[in-house]
N, C-alpha and C. Protein backbone atom coordinates (compact mmCIF):
# COMPACT_ATOMS: atom_id res chain seq x y z
N MET A 1 48.35 -49.99 -53.94
CA MET A 1 47.19 -48.82 -54.20
C MET A 1 45.93 -49.91 -53.03
N LYS A 2 45.38 -48.55 -52.62
CA LYS A 2 44.56 -48.78 -51.83
C LYS A 2 43.21 -47.42 -51.84
N ILE A 3 42.31 -47.93 -51.82
CA ILE A 3 41.34 -46.65 -51.83
C ILE A 3 41.57 -45.58 -50.18
N ASN A 4 41.41 -44.59 -50.57
CA ASN A 4 41.57 -43.27 -49.43
C ASN A 4 40.46 -43.00 -49.03
N HIS A 5 39.81 -42.55 -49.46
CA HIS A 5 38.20 -42.52 -48.47
C HIS A 5 36.90 -42.81 -49.79
N ILE A 6 35.58 -42.65 -49.15
CA ILE A 6 34.58 -42.82 -49.98
C ILE A 6 33.73 -41.37 -49.49
N ALA A 7 32.94 -40.96 -50.37
CA ALA A 7 32.02 -39.34 -49.90
C ALA A 7 30.78 -39.65 -50.15
N VAL A 8 30.11 -38.96 -49.37
CA VAL A 8 28.67 -38.97 -49.65
C VAL A 8 27.72 -37.91 -48.86
N TYR A 9 27.28 -37.37 -49.63
CA TYR A 9 26.32 -36.11 -49.28
C TYR A 9 25.32 -36.62 -48.07
N VAL A 10 25.12 -35.97 -47.19
CA VAL A 10 24.30 -35.95 -46.41
C VAL A 10 23.24 -35.22 -46.00
N ARG A 11 21.84 -35.26 -45.52
CA ARG A 11 21.11 -34.39 -44.98
C ARG A 11 21.22 -33.73 -44.23
N ASP A 12 21.66 -34.20 -43.16
CA ASP A 12 22.22 -33.97 -41.29
C ASP A 12 23.20 -34.33 -41.60
N LEU A 13 24.35 -33.28 -41.13
CA LEU A 13 25.57 -33.83 -40.68
C LEU A 13 26.13 -34.15 -39.87
N GLU A 14 25.51 -33.27 -38.89
CA GLU A 14 25.93 -33.59 -37.56
C GLU A 14 25.44 -34.86 -36.85
N ARG A 15 23.80 -35.50 -37.31
CA ARG A 15 23.15 -36.57 -36.62
C ARG A 15 23.85 -37.46 -37.43
N THR A 16 24.29 -37.61 -38.67
CA THR A 16 25.04 -38.60 -39.38
C THR A 16 26.38 -38.66 -39.14
N LYS A 17 27.15 -37.90 -38.39
CA LYS A 17 28.39 -37.87 -37.85
C LYS A 17 28.10 -38.77 -36.66
N ALA A 18 27.47 -38.23 -35.94
CA ALA A 18 27.17 -39.11 -34.57
C ALA A 18 26.68 -40.49 -34.90
N PHE A 19 25.54 -40.63 -35.30
CA PHE A 19 25.44 -42.19 -36.00
C PHE A 19 26.50 -43.15 -36.27
N TYR A 20 27.82 -42.69 -37.17
CA TYR A 20 28.87 -43.66 -37.22
C TYR A 20 29.35 -43.45 -36.08
N VAL A 21 29.69 -42.75 -35.28
CA VAL A 21 30.49 -42.51 -34.22
C VAL A 21 30.08 -43.42 -33.21
N LYS A 22 28.68 -43.24 -32.93
CA LYS A 22 28.06 -44.18 -32.03
C LYS A 22 28.08 -45.52 -31.81
N TYR A 23 27.66 -45.89 -33.69
CA TYR A 23 27.50 -47.58 -33.87
C TYR A 23 28.31 -47.99 -34.55
N PHE A 24 29.46 -47.34 -35.32
CA PHE A 24 30.94 -48.03 -35.82
C PHE A 24 31.67 -47.69 -35.13
N ARG A 25 32.10 -46.83 -34.29
CA ARG A 25 33.11 -46.39 -33.82
C ARG A 25 34.30 -45.65 -34.69
N ALA A 26 33.68 -44.32 -35.42
CA ALA A 26 34.45 -43.71 -36.06
C ALA A 26 34.88 -42.13 -35.05
N ILE A 27 35.74 -41.92 -35.69
CA ILE A 27 36.74 -41.05 -35.05
C ILE A 27 36.74 -39.88 -36.04
N SER A 28 36.13 -38.35 -35.78
CA SER A 28 35.96 -37.53 -36.66
C SER A 28 36.98 -36.57 -36.80
N ASN A 29 37.20 -35.92 -37.67
CA ASN A 29 38.19 -35.12 -37.28
C ASN A 29 37.21 -33.59 -37.44
N LYS A 30 37.96 -32.27 -36.94
CA LYS A 30 37.31 -31.25 -37.00
C LYS A 30 36.47 -30.49 -38.12
N GLN A 31 34.99 -29.79 -38.23
CA GLN A 31 34.49 -29.69 -39.18
C GLN A 31 35.27 -29.09 -40.60
N TYR A 32 35.21 -29.32 -41.48
CA TYR A 32 35.90 -28.31 -42.63
C TYR A 32 34.38 -27.56 -42.96
N ARG A 33 34.71 -26.32 -43.50
CA ARG A 33 33.51 -25.01 -43.92
C ARG A 33 34.47 -24.12 -45.17
N ASN A 34 34.01 -24.56 -46.64
CA ASN A 34 33.98 -23.62 -47.08
C ASN A 34 32.80 -22.20 -47.51
N PRO A 35 33.29 -21.10 -47.20
CA PRO A 35 32.21 -20.11 -46.81
C PRO A 35 31.46 -19.74 -48.26
N LYS A 36 32.25 -19.96 -49.39
CA LYS A 36 31.89 -19.34 -50.75
C LYS A 36 31.13 -20.71 -51.18
N THR A 37 31.13 -21.75 -51.01
CA THR A 37 29.98 -22.80 -51.27
C THR A 37 29.22 -23.43 -50.51
N GLY A 38 28.96 -22.95 -49.12
CA GLY A 38 27.99 -23.58 -47.99
C GLY A 38 28.77 -25.13 -48.14
N LEU A 39 29.87 -25.66 -48.96
CA LEU A 39 29.88 -27.10 -48.22
C LEU A 39 30.87 -27.41 -46.77
N LYS A 40 30.20 -28.08 -45.95
CA LYS A 40 30.63 -28.39 -44.58
C LYS A 40 30.95 -30.18 -45.33
N THR A 41 31.99 -30.57 -44.33
CA THR A 41 32.25 -31.78 -44.19
C THR A 41 33.15 -32.28 -43.15
N TYR A 42 32.82 -33.70 -42.97
CA TYR A 42 33.99 -34.84 -41.88
C TYR A 42 34.65 -35.41 -42.51
N PHE A 43 35.52 -35.73 -42.35
CA PHE A 43 36.34 -37.15 -42.44
C PHE A 43 35.70 -37.88 -41.25
N LEU A 44 35.55 -39.21 -41.29
CA LEU A 44 35.21 -39.83 -40.30
C LEU A 44 36.24 -41.23 -40.25
N THR A 45 37.17 -41.44 -39.64
CA THR A 45 38.07 -42.56 -39.51
C THR A 45 38.03 -44.20 -38.91
N PHE A 46 37.98 -45.12 -39.36
CA PHE A 46 37.26 -46.52 -39.17
C PHE A 46 38.84 -47.12 -38.52
N GLU A 47 38.26 -48.06 -37.71
CA GLU A 47 39.55 -49.24 -37.86
C GLU A 47 39.89 -49.46 -39.46
N ASN A 48 41.44 -49.67 -39.11
CA ASN A 48 42.28 -49.68 -39.94
C ASN A 48 42.35 -48.62 -41.41
N ASP A 49 42.22 -47.80 -40.70
CA ASP A 49 42.32 -46.13 -41.24
C ASP A 49 41.36 -45.82 -42.54
N CYS A 50 40.00 -46.78 -42.56
CA CYS A 50 39.44 -46.61 -43.91
C CYS A 50 38.33 -45.61 -43.40
N ARG A 51 38.45 -44.44 -44.58
CA ARG A 51 37.44 -43.40 -44.24
C ARG A 51 36.15 -42.95 -45.01
N LEU A 52 35.69 -42.40 -44.49
CA LEU A 52 34.38 -41.83 -45.17
C LEU A 52 34.09 -40.34 -44.52
N GLU A 53 34.26 -39.89 -45.82
CA GLU A 53 33.97 -37.97 -46.02
C GLU A 53 32.37 -37.90 -45.94
N ILE A 54 31.67 -37.68 -45.39
CA ILE A 54 29.96 -37.38 -44.98
C ILE A 54 30.22 -35.34 -45.26
N MET A 55 29.23 -35.05 -46.58
CA MET A 55 29.29 -34.11 -46.58
C MET A 55 28.15 -33.49 -46.95
N GLN A 56 27.77 -31.92 -46.69
CA GLN A 56 26.26 -31.35 -46.88
C GLN A 56 26.70 -29.82 -47.18
N LYS A 57 25.60 -29.69 -48.61
CA LYS A 57 25.54 -28.43 -49.36
C LYS A 57 24.46 -27.91 -49.50
N PRO A 58 24.00 -26.56 -49.54
CA PRO A 58 22.76 -26.27 -49.84
C PRO A 58 22.34 -26.45 -50.92
N ASN A 59 21.34 -26.48 -50.99
CA ASN A 59 20.44 -26.85 -52.34
C ASN A 59 20.73 -27.63 -53.46
N LEU A 60 21.14 -28.92 -52.87
CA LEU A 60 21.38 -30.44 -53.44
C LEU A 60 19.84 -30.68 -53.76
N PRO A 61 20.21 -31.51 -54.94
CA PRO A 61 18.82 -32.40 -55.11
C PRO A 61 18.75 -33.43 -54.68
N GLU A 62 17.55 -33.66 -54.22
CA GLU A 62 17.06 -35.37 -53.72
C GLU A 62 16.85 -36.35 -54.94
N THR A 63 17.50 -37.16 -54.31
CA THR A 63 17.99 -38.79 -54.76
C THR A 63 16.77 -39.58 -54.47
N GLY A 64 16.64 -40.63 -54.57
CA GLY A 64 15.57 -42.07 -54.28
C GLY A 64 17.11 -43.10 -53.86
N ILE A 65 16.82 -43.53 -52.74
CA ILE A 65 18.04 -44.73 -52.12
C ILE A 65 17.33 -45.98 -52.32
N ASP A 66 17.10 -46.27 -53.10
CA ASP A 66 16.33 -47.69 -53.50
C ASP A 66 16.88 -49.27 -53.19
N GLY A 67 18.43 -49.12 -53.36
CA GLY A 67 19.02 -49.99 -53.90
C GLY A 67 19.17 -50.36 -55.15
N LYS A 68 18.39 -50.07 -55.68
CA LYS A 68 18.00 -50.45 -57.55
C LYS A 68 18.36 -49.48 -58.51
N HIS A 69 19.61 -49.09 -58.68
CA HIS A 69 20.00 -47.85 -59.50
C HIS A 69 21.71 -47.98 -59.38
N SER A 70 22.61 -47.43 -60.45
CA SER A 70 23.87 -47.21 -60.86
C SER A 70 24.28 -46.36 -59.69
N GLY A 71 25.51 -47.13 -59.69
CA GLY A 71 26.11 -45.79 -58.42
C GLY A 71 26.04 -46.48 -57.05
N TYR A 72 26.15 -45.53 -55.76
CA TYR A 72 26.25 -45.81 -54.75
C TYR A 72 25.16 -47.17 -54.30
N ILE A 73 25.60 -48.20 -53.46
CA ILE A 73 24.47 -49.05 -53.19
C ILE A 73 24.65 -49.03 -51.43
N HIS A 74 25.91 -49.70 -51.37
CA HIS A 74 25.81 -50.01 -49.54
C HIS A 74 27.26 -49.44 -49.21
N LEU A 75 27.26 -49.08 -47.74
CA LEU A 75 28.89 -49.53 -47.49
C LEU A 75 29.07 -51.22 -46.42
N ALA A 76 29.79 -51.51 -46.27
CA ALA A 76 29.56 -52.79 -45.45
C ALA A 76 30.71 -52.55 -44.15
N PHE A 77 30.45 -53.26 -43.20
CA PHE A 77 31.23 -53.25 -41.66
C PHE A 77 31.25 -54.39 -41.09
N SER A 78 32.55 -55.08 -41.54
CA SER A 78 32.79 -56.10 -40.52
C SER A 78 32.96 -55.81 -38.85
N VAL A 79 32.15 -56.78 -38.05
CA VAL A 79 31.84 -56.38 -36.83
C VAL A 79 32.53 -57.56 -35.97
N GLY A 80 32.73 -58.63 -36.65
CA GLY A 80 33.64 -59.53 -35.75
C GLY A 80 33.00 -61.14 -36.02
N SER A 81 31.76 -61.01 -35.87
CA SER A 81 31.08 -62.42 -35.17
C SER A 81 29.42 -62.44 -35.83
N LYS A 82 28.75 -63.11 -35.82
CA LYS A 82 27.89 -63.57 -35.86
C LYS A 82 26.80 -62.85 -34.69
N ALA A 83 27.54 -63.16 -33.65
CA ALA A 83 26.56 -62.06 -32.24
C ALA A 83 26.88 -61.18 -32.46
N ASP A 84 27.83 -60.40 -32.54
CA ASP A 84 28.14 -59.14 -32.88
C ASP A 84 27.21 -58.27 -33.99
N VAL A 85 26.64 -59.41 -35.07
CA VAL A 85 26.08 -58.39 -36.41
C VAL A 85 24.76 -58.72 -35.78
N ASP A 86 24.13 -59.60 -35.19
CA ASP A 86 22.66 -59.96 -34.37
C ASP A 86 22.56 -58.35 -33.11
N ALA A 87 23.48 -58.20 -31.97
CA ALA A 87 23.22 -57.28 -31.26
C ALA A 87 23.51 -56.01 -32.47
N LEU A 88 24.08 -55.15 -32.78
CA LEU A 88 24.20 -54.18 -33.32
C LEU A 88 22.99 -54.28 -34.32
N THR A 89 22.35 -55.00 -35.17
CA THR A 89 21.40 -54.90 -35.96
C THR A 89 19.93 -54.70 -34.59
N GLU A 90 19.99 -55.36 -33.57
CA GLU A 90 19.09 -55.01 -32.48
C GLU A 90 19.24 -53.54 -32.14
N LYS A 91 20.55 -53.54 -31.79
CA LYS A 91 20.63 -51.81 -31.34
C LYS A 91 20.04 -50.84 -32.19
N LEU A 92 20.27 -51.19 -33.27
CA LEU A 92 19.90 -49.93 -34.47
C LEU A 92 18.66 -50.28 -34.73
N ARG A 93 17.56 -51.04 -34.48
CA ARG A 93 16.09 -51.32 -34.67
C ARG A 93 15.85 -50.41 -33.34
N ASN A 94 16.10 -50.72 -32.14
CA ASN A 94 15.80 -50.26 -31.01
C ASN A 94 16.04 -49.01 -31.10
N ASP A 95 16.76 -48.43 -31.82
CA ASP A 95 16.84 -46.84 -31.38
C ASP A 95 16.33 -45.91 -32.65
N GLY A 96 15.52 -47.21 -33.38
CA GLY A 96 14.14 -46.56 -34.48
C GLY A 96 15.00 -46.41 -36.01
N TYR A 97 16.44 -47.20 -35.91
CA TYR A 97 16.50 -47.11 -37.55
C TYR A 97 16.02 -48.28 -38.28
N THR A 98 15.87 -47.77 -39.73
CA THR A 98 15.24 -49.10 -40.66
C THR A 98 16.11 -50.46 -40.60
N ILE A 99 15.45 -51.36 -40.84
CA ILE A 99 16.26 -52.43 -40.83
C ILE A 99 15.49 -52.89 -42.41
N PHE A 100 16.74 -53.02 -43.58
CA PHE A 100 16.20 -53.71 -44.63
C PHE A 100 16.20 -54.44 -44.71
N SER A 101 16.99 -55.67 -43.82
CA SER A 101 17.29 -57.13 -44.14
C SER A 101 17.53 -57.53 -42.94
N GLU A 102 16.75 -58.37 -42.29
CA GLU A 102 17.40 -59.00 -40.86
C GLU A 102 18.18 -60.17 -41.22
N PRO A 103 19.54 -59.95 -39.77
CA PRO A 103 20.42 -61.42 -40.07
C PRO A 103 20.51 -62.37 -41.01
N ARG A 104 21.17 -63.04 -41.58
CA ARG A 104 20.94 -64.29 -42.06
C ARG A 104 22.41 -64.69 -42.70
N THR A 105 22.67 -65.55 -43.29
CA THR A 105 23.50 -66.07 -44.35
C THR A 105 23.11 -65.83 -45.59
N THR A 106 23.93 -65.04 -46.60
CA THR A 106 23.72 -64.70 -48.06
C THR A 106 24.05 -66.10 -48.71
N GLY A 107 23.48 -66.36 -49.89
CA GLY A 107 23.92 -67.13 -51.18
C GLY A 107 25.67 -66.78 -51.29
N ASP A 108 26.44 -66.03 -51.11
CA ASP A 108 27.66 -65.75 -51.47
C ASP A 108 28.76 -66.01 -49.98
N GLY A 109 27.53 -66.58 -48.85
CA GLY A 109 28.36 -67.20 -47.80
C GLY A 109 28.77 -65.75 -47.07
N TYR A 110 27.93 -64.67 -47.00
CA TYR A 110 28.17 -64.12 -45.78
C TYR A 110 27.12 -63.92 -44.81
N TYR A 111 27.53 -63.64 -43.34
CA TYR A 111 26.67 -63.84 -42.65
C TYR A 111 26.15 -61.98 -41.82
N GLU A 112 24.93 -61.61 -42.26
CA GLU A 112 24.66 -60.06 -42.42
C GLU A 112 23.21 -59.43 -42.22
N SER A 113 23.34 -58.28 -42.35
CA SER A 113 22.07 -57.85 -41.87
C SER A 113 21.92 -56.17 -42.78
N CYS A 114 21.30 -55.73 -43.50
CA CYS A 114 20.85 -54.37 -43.93
C CYS A 114 20.30 -53.17 -43.20
N VAL A 115 20.99 -52.40 -42.65
CA VAL A 115 20.42 -51.32 -42.04
C VAL A 115 20.54 -50.24 -42.51
N GLY A 116 19.71 -49.37 -42.56
CA GLY A 116 19.63 -47.66 -42.42
C GLY A 116 20.35 -46.45 -41.94
N ASP A 117 21.01 -45.64 -42.39
CA ASP A 117 21.99 -44.79 -41.76
C ASP A 117 20.73 -43.44 -41.69
N PRO A 118 20.96 -42.23 -41.17
CA PRO A 118 20.28 -41.51 -41.21
C PRO A 118 19.34 -40.94 -42.34
N ASP A 119 20.25 -41.09 -43.37
CA ASP A 119 19.52 -40.57 -44.73
C ASP A 119 19.20 -41.78 -45.24
N GLY A 120 19.13 -42.66 -44.96
CA GLY A 120 18.26 -44.12 -45.21
C GLY A 120 19.40 -44.96 -46.35
N ASN A 121 20.71 -44.34 -46.62
CA ASN A 121 21.86 -45.28 -47.13
C ASN A 121 21.69 -46.26 -46.61
N ARG A 122 21.91 -47.28 -47.51
CA ARG A 122 22.31 -48.81 -47.13
C ARG A 122 23.62 -49.07 -46.03
N ILE A 123 23.49 -49.85 -44.96
CA ILE A 123 24.78 -50.26 -44.30
C ILE A 123 24.51 -51.60 -44.00
N GLU A 124 25.61 -52.62 -45.12
CA GLU A 124 26.09 -53.90 -44.66
C GLU A 124 26.50 -53.73 -43.46
N ILE A 125 26.08 -54.91 -42.31
CA ILE A 125 26.47 -55.22 -40.90
C ILE A 125 26.88 -56.90 -41.37
N VAL A 126 28.46 -57.17 -41.39
CA VAL A 126 28.78 -58.53 -41.90
C VAL A 126 30.09 -58.93 -40.58
N GLU A 127 29.84 -60.27 -40.45
CA GLU A 127 30.59 -61.01 -39.28
C GLU A 127 32.21 -60.76 -39.57
């Protein structure tokens, strides 16, 4: 058994799609729209067929994303090496994205940084 996909609601569907395509080499499908509910979605496919569904729907309530709550906390992308972690983190910083934690080796042995996507969802970049 494997996870088919993970889904997340976002504020700006096109900006979020562009973020994952540019920085994490996602491939997007054609946008799905439900005219009755206003729902719009994209499926983003990453290396090894891992998929993220990004969704937007009118009038959804805002929630805080502080990393200290039950539920979704982060996605982690493996980029291959410590140098790649450092380079992608720096590229995201230079492009104005939030860096939650600098590249480092964690207590459980990962070399990683943690950045925010356009909505502030936490993305770990691991070697």
